[in-house]
Amino acid sequence: MFLLSKKDLKTTLEVFAVFHWISIAFIITTTVTIVNLYLVVFTPYWPVTVLILIWLAFDWKTPQRGGRRFTCVRHWRLWKHYRDYFPLKLLKTHDISPSRNYILVCHPHGILAFGWFGQFATEASGFSKIFPGITPYVLTLGAFFWMPFLREYVMSVGICSVSQSSIDFLLTHKGTGNMIIVVVGGLAECRYSLPGSSTLVLKNRSGFVRTALQHGVALIPAYAFGETDLYDQHIFTPGGFVNRFQKWFQSMIHIYPCAFYGRGFTKKSWGLLPYSRPVTTIVGEPLPMPKIENPSQEIVAKYHALYIDALRKLFDQHKTKFGISETQELEII
């Protein structure tokens, strides 16, 4: 009577895979902190903590030098359960030549960027088969690389720092066939992540265009249909106390604290797991860029506009397949 059916076991593994990724940063950070405090304060094994800190200092720049990926980790069976939870699907519109480097620009960020992690930091959707000869590097905030063991885990799937030095290294010291994946809307886009939303923070985000011009690499637009449907948000009364606090908090540390919620460990319960809704990522056609070492603001603005046009075209070509009205357009803010 306590044995799970194959279907229930599959569902349980899918929930575990997603919960694992949501909670892993908190679990590792808490565990490492508590264990090392215990070693230093209550045991004679404080040299272990010293050795960890020495290693951290010695290895500090690795996330900015291509990281330290392990192909076996990217192929874990766990990620297939992660994929099936939603499910995730990765589609390309054009072949990508491994003889060049690329910057793939992802939209939208969503609340926790589930689609971008699953599609490009794992092989769950078959990235290497869809894009043969291409090595993906998902870029994220440097804070993920401050904590020992967490940084090792994050780097093992091919995630690197989003710093400018990291980008420059990947585009100049790793040969060809490299694809840098950036989610340019970042955390600022979380507040607009509502079911059915197509609002992107992009109007004043042109650094990726400047970088592409400086290195002469093509930009590839990509849109994840369904990413904003994974959570609901409670929208507080504009001008109210909580809303004013959210704006103040954002002005202080540039992160908008969203009151988001999804499902719990069962489908009909409330919690912080995302809803089980499909996310399909469409990778568009590369937009070639000339190599200009010091592009003027006018040149950057010109190619930024061309990129937005290419992104709008990609969105319009595919939106009706995913239940979006023919009249709905991307809102660029």
Protein backbone atom coordinates (compact mmCIF):
# COMPACT_ATOMS: atom_id res chain seq x y z
CA MET A 1 0.00 0.00 0.00
CA PHE A 2 3.03 2.28 0.40
CA LEU A 3 4.47 1.60 -3.07
CA LEU A 4 4.15 4.37 -5.65
CA SER A 5 2.87 3.67 -9.12
CA LYS A 6 5.23 4.45 -12.02
CA LYS A 7 3.24 7.61 -12.76
CA ASP A 8 3.36 8.81 -9.15
CA LEU A 9 7.06 8.02 -8.90
CA LYS A 10 7.73 9.98 -12.08
CA THR A 11 5.74 12.95 -10.74
CA THR A 12 7.64 12.80 -7.44
CA LEU A 13 11.02 12.80 -9.21
CA GLU A 14 9.96 15.78 -11.36
CA VAL A 15 8.90 17.78 -8.30
CA PHE A 16 12.15 16.87 -6.53
CA ALA A 17 14.25 17.96 -9.53
CA VAL A 18 12.65 21.41 -9.65
CA PHE A 19 12.64 21.85 -5.85
CA HIS A 20 16.31 20.85 -5.80
CA TRP A 21 17.26 23.63 -8.20
CA ILE A 22 15.15 26.25 -6.40
CA SER A 23 16.59 25.40 -2.98
CA ILE A 24 20.16 24.30 -3.74
CA ALA A 25 21.75 27.73 -3.23
CA PHE A 26 20.09 28.13 0.18
CA ILE A 27 20.89 24.56 1.25
CA ILE A 28 24.57 24.69 0.28
CA THR A 29 25.11 28.20 1.64
CA THR A 30 23.48 27.37 4.97
CA THR A 31 25.27 24.03 5.32
CA VAL A 32 28.72 25.40 4.46
CA THR A 33 28.29 28.35 6.83
CA ILE A 34 27.06 26.27 9.78
CA VAL A 35 29.66 23.51 9.33
CA ASN A 36 32.57 25.92 9.10
CA LEU A 37 31.39 27.94 12.10
CA TYR A 38 31.16 24.68 14.05
CA LEU A 39 34.67 23.63 12.96
CA VAL A 40 36.16 26.99 13.99
CA VAL A 41 34.31 27.50 17.28
CA PHE A 42 33.79 24.00 18.71
CA THR A 43 36.50 21.75 17.25
CA PRO A 44 40.28 21.74 16.66
CA TYR A 45 39.68 21.32 12.92
CA TRP A 46 39.69 25.04 12.07
CA PRO A 47 42.56 24.46 9.55
CA VAL A 48 39.95 22.83 7.28
CA THR A 49 38.15 26.17 7.05
CA VAL A 50 41.46 27.95 6.42
CA LEU A 51 42.27 25.54 3.57
CA ILE A 52 38.83 26.15 2.04
CA LEU A 53 39.38 29.92 2.14
CA ILE A 54 42.86 29.55 0.62
CA TRP A 55 41.41 27.46 -2.20
CA LEU A 56 38.64 30.04 -2.72
CA ALA A 57 41.22 32.84 -3.03
CA PHE A 58 43.40 30.76 -5.37
CA ASP A 59 40.44 29.80 -7.57
CA TRP A 60 38.62 33.15 -7.41
CA LYS A 61 38.93 34.05 -11.08
CA THR A 62 37.91 30.67 -12.52
CA PRO A 63 34.25 31.75 -13.07
CA GLN A 64 35.64 34.58 -15.22
CA ARG A 65 37.94 32.23 -17.16
CA GLY A 66 35.45 29.80 -18.65
CA GLY A 67 34.50 28.06 -15.42
CA ARG A 68 35.00 24.35 -14.78
CA ARG A 69 32.29 22.28 -16.45
CA PHE A 70 31.74 18.54 -16.17
CA THR A 71 29.88 17.05 -19.11
CA CYS A 72 28.61 14.19 -16.97
CA VAL A 73 26.78 16.65 -14.67
CA ARG A 74 25.04 18.29 -17.65
CA HIS A 75 23.78 14.81 -18.64
CA TRP A 76 22.38 13.85 -15.23
CA ARG A 77 19.07 12.01 -15.36
CA LEU A 78 17.84 14.54 -12.81
CA TRP A 79 17.65 17.23 -15.50
CA LYS A 80 15.33 15.10 -17.65
CA HIS A 81 12.89 15.00 -14.76
CA TYR A 82 13.35 18.78 -14.45
CA ARG A 83 12.50 19.13 -18.17
CA ASP A 84 9.44 16.91 -17.95
CA TYR A 85 7.98 18.79 -14.96
CA PHE A 86 6.95 21.74 -17.16
CA PRO A 87 7.75 20.38 -19.85
CA LEU A 88 10.56 22.29 -21.60
CA LYS A 89 11.20 22.26 -25.35
CA LEU A 90 14.03 23.81 -27.38
CA LEU A 91 13.54 24.70 -31.06
CA LYS A 92 15.83 26.40 -33.58
CA THR A 93 14.86 28.33 -36.68
CA HIS A 94 18.31 28.28 -38.31
CA ASP A 95 21.47 26.21 -38.14
CA ILE A 96 24.37 27.73 -36.19
CA SER A 97 27.89 27.33 -37.61
CA PRO A 98 30.55 26.22 -35.09
CA SER A 99 33.14 28.27 -36.97
CA ARG A 100 32.07 31.46 -35.18
CA ASN A 101 31.18 32.69 -31.70
CA TYR A 102 27.78 34.04 -30.68
CA ILE A 103 25.91 35.93 -27.99
CA LEU A 104 22.48 34.41 -27.52
CA VAL A 105 20.16 36.95 -25.89
CA CYS A 106 17.28 35.44 -23.90
CA HIS A 107 13.85 36.91 -23.21
CA PRO A 108 12.01 37.10 -20.87
CA HIS A 109 13.78 36.50 -17.56
CA GLY A 110 10.66 35.33 -15.73
CA ILE A 111 10.80 34.94 -11.96
CA LEU A 112 13.60 32.36 -11.67
CA ALA A 113 14.60 31.77 -15.32
CA PHE A 114 13.67 28.09 -15.27
CA GLY A 115 13.60 27.73 -19.04
CA TRP A 116 17.02 29.23 -19.65
CA PHE A 117 18.68 26.99 -17.08
CA GLY A 118 17.04 23.82 -18.33
CA GLN A 119 17.64 24.51 -22.02
CA PHE A 120 21.24 25.75 -21.94
CA ALA A 121 22.88 24.66 -18.66
CA THR A 122 21.83 21.02 -19.08
CA GLU A 123 21.46 18.53 -21.91
CA ALA A 124 17.87 17.70 -20.93
CA SER A 125 16.49 19.22 -24.15
CA GLY A 126 19.34 17.90 -26.30
CA PHE A 127 21.27 21.14 -26.84
CA SER A 128 24.35 19.40 -28.28
CA LYS A 129 22.24 17.50 -30.80
CA ILE A 130 20.27 20.59 -31.84
CA PHE A 131 23.40 22.76 -32.07
CA PRO A 132 26.29 20.37 -32.88
CA GLY A 133 29.76 21.81 -32.33
CA ILE A 134 28.47 24.66 -30.14
CA THR A 135 29.52 25.05 -26.49
CA PRO A 136 27.03 27.03 -24.37
CA TYR A 137 28.07 29.28 -21.48
CA VAL A 138 25.18 30.52 -19.36
CA LEU A 139 26.17 33.73 -17.58
CA THR A 140 24.84 34.75 -14.16
CA LEU A 141 25.52 37.08 -11.24
CA GLY A 142 28.94 36.90 -9.62
CA ALA A 143 27.36 36.37 -6.18
CA PHE A 144 26.75 32.70 -7.05
CA PHE A 145 30.52 32.19 -7.07
CA TRP A 146 31.27 33.65 -3.64
CA MET A 147 30.33 30.55 -1.62
CA PRO A 148 32.58 27.45 -1.61
CA PHE A 149 30.94 24.29 -2.99
CA LEU A 150 28.00 26.27 -4.41
CA ARG A 151 30.35 27.81 -6.95
CA GLU A 152 31.69 24.37 -7.86
CA TYR A 153 28.19 23.02 -8.42
CA VAL A 154 27.10 26.01 -10.49
CA MET A 155 30.24 25.91 -12.65
CA SER A 156 29.89 22.16 -13.22
CA VAL A 157 26.97 22.72 -15.62
CA GLY A 158 28.83 25.38 -17.61
CA ILE A 159 27.64 28.52 -15.83
CA CYS A 160 30.09 31.43 -15.66
CA SER A 161 30.19 34.98 -14.33
CA VAL A 162 28.38 37.68 -16.31
CA SER A 163 31.20 40.18 -15.71
CA GLN A 164 32.71 41.98 -18.69
CA SER A 165 36.08 40.29 -18.16
CA SER A 166 34.35 36.90 -18.28
CA ILE A 167 32.59 37.73 -21.55
CA ASP A 168 35.78 39.08 -23.12
CA PHE A 169 37.67 35.93 -22.13
CA LEU A 170 35.04 33.58 -23.57
CA LEU A 171 34.96 35.45 -26.87
CA THR A 172 38.73 35.73 -27.31
CA HIS A 173 40.47 32.84 -25.51
CA LYS A 174 38.26 29.81 -26.13
CA GLY A 175 38.47 29.48 -29.91
CA THR A 176 35.25 29.28 -31.94
CA GLY A 177 31.95 27.51 -31.52
CA ASN A 178 31.17 29.26 -28.24
CA MET A 179 27.70 30.57 -27.43
CA ILE A 180 27.36 33.00 -24.54
CA ILE A 181 23.84 33.03 -23.09
CA VAL A 182 22.70 36.24 -21.39
CA VAL A 183 19.29 37.18 -20.01
CA VAL A 184 19.52 40.94 -20.47
CA GLY A 185 16.28 41.83 -18.68
CA GLY A 186 17.74 40.42 -15.47
CA LEU A 187 16.03 40.69 -12.11
CA ALA A 188 14.47 44.00 -13.15
CA GLU A 189 12.15 42.01 -15.40
CA CYS A 190 10.72 39.91 -12.56
CA ARG A 191 8.08 42.51 -11.66
CA TYR A 192 6.58 42.18 -15.16
CA SER A 193 6.52 38.37 -15.06
CA LEU A 194 2.77 37.75 -15.06
CA PRO A 195 0.78 35.11 -16.96
CA GLY A 196 0.24 36.32 -20.50
CA SER A 197 2.72 39.20 -20.19
CA SER A 198 5.10 40.10 -23.02
CA THR A 199 6.83 43.07 -21.37
CA LEU A 200 10.62 43.19 -21.68
CA VAL A 201 13.20 45.45 -20.02
CA LEU A 202 15.33 46.21 -23.04
CA LYS A 203 15.03 49.83 -24.15
CA ASN A 204 18.04 51.02 -22.14
CA ARG A 205 19.95 47.72 -22.13
CA SER A 206 22.49 48.06 -24.92
CA GLY A 207 25.70 46.80 -23.32
CA PHE A 208 25.33 43.40 -25.01
CA VAL A 209 25.17 45.15 -28.40
CA ARG A 210 28.35 47.12 -27.67
CA THR A 211 30.13 43.92 -26.63
CA ALA A 212 28.98 42.12 -29.79
CA LEU A 213 30.30 44.98 -31.93
CA GLN A 214 33.65 45.09 -30.13
CA HIS A 215 34.17 41.38 -30.77
CA GLY A 216 32.40 41.17 -34.13
CA VAL A 217 30.15 38.31 -33.00
CA ALA A 218 26.57 37.73 -34.10
CA LEU A 219 23.62 38.31 -31.78
CA ILE A 220 20.95 35.60 -31.63
CA PRO A 221 17.49 36.51 -30.29
CA ALA A 222 15.68 33.82 -28.29
CA TYR A 223 12.23 33.92 -26.72
CA ALA A 224 10.81 31.48 -24.15
CA PHE A 225 7.07 31.24 -24.65
CA GLY A 226 5.46 30.29 -21.36
CA GLU A 227 8.25 31.49 -19.02
CA THR A 228 6.04 34.23 -17.56
CA ASP A 229 3.18 31.78 -16.96
CA LEU A 230 5.05 29.78 -14.30
CA TYR A 231 4.07 32.02 -11.35
CA ASP A 232 1.32 34.39 -10.31
CA GLN A 233 2.06 37.64 -8.51
CA HIS A 234 0.11 39.67 -6.01
CA ILE A 235 0.05 43.25 -7.25
CA PHE A 236 -0.18 45.71 -4.37
CA THR A 237 -2.14 48.94 -4.58
CA PRO A 238 -0.07 51.58 -6.42
CA GLY A 239 1.06 54.20 -3.91
CA GLY A 240 0.25 51.99 -0.94
CA PHE A 241 2.69 51.19 1.86
CA VAL A 242 3.87 47.85 0.44
CA ASN A 243 4.18 49.24 -3.08
CA ARG A 244 6.25 52.17 -1.78
CA PHE A 245 8.47 49.72 0.11
CA GLN A 246 8.98 47.68 -3.09
CA LYS A 247 10.06 50.78 -5.00
CA TRP A 248 12.34 51.92 -2.17
CA PHE A 249 13.92 48.47 -1.96
CA GLN A 250 14.48 48.48 -5.73
CA SER A 251 16.08 51.95 -5.58
CA MET A 252 18.49 50.72 -2.89
CA ILE A 253 19.74 47.40 -4.31
CA HIS A 254 18.20 47.31 -7.82
CA ILE A 255 16.05 44.25 -7.06
CA TYR A 256 12.25 44.51 -7.07
CA PRO A 257 10.82 42.26 -4.29
CA CYS A 258 7.96 40.43 -5.98
CA ALA A 259 5.15 38.73 -4.04
CA PHE A 260 5.07 35.70 -6.32
CA TYR A 261 3.50 32.33 -5.71
CA GLY A 262 2.87 29.08 -7.54
CA ARG A 263 2.02 25.53 -6.50
CA GLY A 264 3.12 23.32 -3.65
CA PHE A 265 4.29 19.72 -3.70
CA THR A 266 0.86 18.71 -5.02
CA LYS A 267 -0.79 20.34 -8.02
CA LYS A 268 -3.75 21.81 -6.16
CA SER A 269 -1.74 23.23 -3.26
CA TRP A 270 -0.18 26.68 -2.82
CA GLY A 271 3.55 27.18 -2.61
CA LEU A 272 6.73 28.44 -4.26
CA LEU A 273 7.19 25.75 -6.88
CA PRO A 274 6.42 26.90 -10.43
CA TYR A 275 3.22 25.76 -12.11
CA SER A 276 3.58 22.75 -14.41
CA ARG A 277 3.10 24.67 -17.65
CA PRO A 278 4.98 24.19 -20.94
CA VAL A 279 7.89 26.47 -21.81
CA THR A 280 9.09 26.43 -25.42
CA THR A 281 12.26 28.33 -26.31
CA ILE A 282 12.58 29.51 -29.90
CA VAL A 283 16.13 30.37 -31.00
CA GLY A 284 16.13 32.81 -33.90
CA GLU A 285 18.44 33.69 -36.77
CA PRO A 286 21.91 35.12 -35.99
CA LEU A 287 22.17 38.86 -36.57
CA PRO A 288 25.69 39.55 -37.94
CA MET A 289 27.69 42.38 -36.37
CA PRO A 290 30.70 44.22 -37.80
CA LYS A 291 33.79 44.36 -35.63
CA ILE A 292 34.23 47.89 -34.25
CA GLU A 293 36.65 48.21 -31.33
CA ASN A 294 35.23 51.50 -30.06
CA PRO A 295 31.68 51.86 -31.44
CA SER A 296 30.03 55.23 -31.00
CA GLN A 297 26.73 55.59 -29.18
CA GLU A 298 25.03 56.17 -32.53
CA ILE A 299 26.38 52.90 -33.94
CA VAL A 300 25.31 51.00 -30.81
CA ALA A 301 21.85 52.55 -31.01
CA LYS A 302 21.56 51.56 -34.69
CA TYR A 303 22.33 47.89 -34.06
CA HIS A 304 20.28 47.87 -30.88
CA ALA A 305 17.28 48.92 -32.97
CA LEU A 306 18.07 46.22 -35.55
CA TYR A 307 18.21 43.65 -32.77
CA ILE A 308 14.84 44.72 -31.36
CA ASP A 309 13.34 44.47 -34.85
CA ALA A 310 14.69 40.91 -35.19
CA LEU A 311 13.30 39.99 -31.78
CA ARG A 312 9.87 41.42 -32.60
CA LYS A 313 9.86 39.46 -35.86
CA LEU A 314 10.70 36.24 -34.01
CA PHE A 315 7.95 36.85 -31.45
CA ASP A 316 5.33 37.71 -34.07
CA GLN A 317 6.14 34.66 -36.22
CA HIS A 318 5.54 32.20 -33.39
CA LYS A 319 3.22 33.82 -30.82
CA THR A 320 -0.08 32.40 -32.09
CA LYS A 321 1.28 28.85 -31.74
CA PHE A 322 1.41 29.40 -27.98
CA GLY A 323 -1.99 30.94 -27.40
CA ILE A 324 -0.96 34.58 -27.75
CA SER A 325 -3.32 36.83 -29.66
CA GLU A 326 -2.33 37.99 -33.14
CA THR A 327 -2.79 41.59 -31.94
CA GLN A 328 -0.56 41.28 -28.86
CA GLU A 329 2.89 42.78 -29.33
CA LEU A 330 6.10 42.93 -27.37
CA GLU A 331 6.20 45.84 -24.98
CA ILE A 332 9.76 47.17 -24.73
CA ILE A 333 10.44 49.33 -21.68
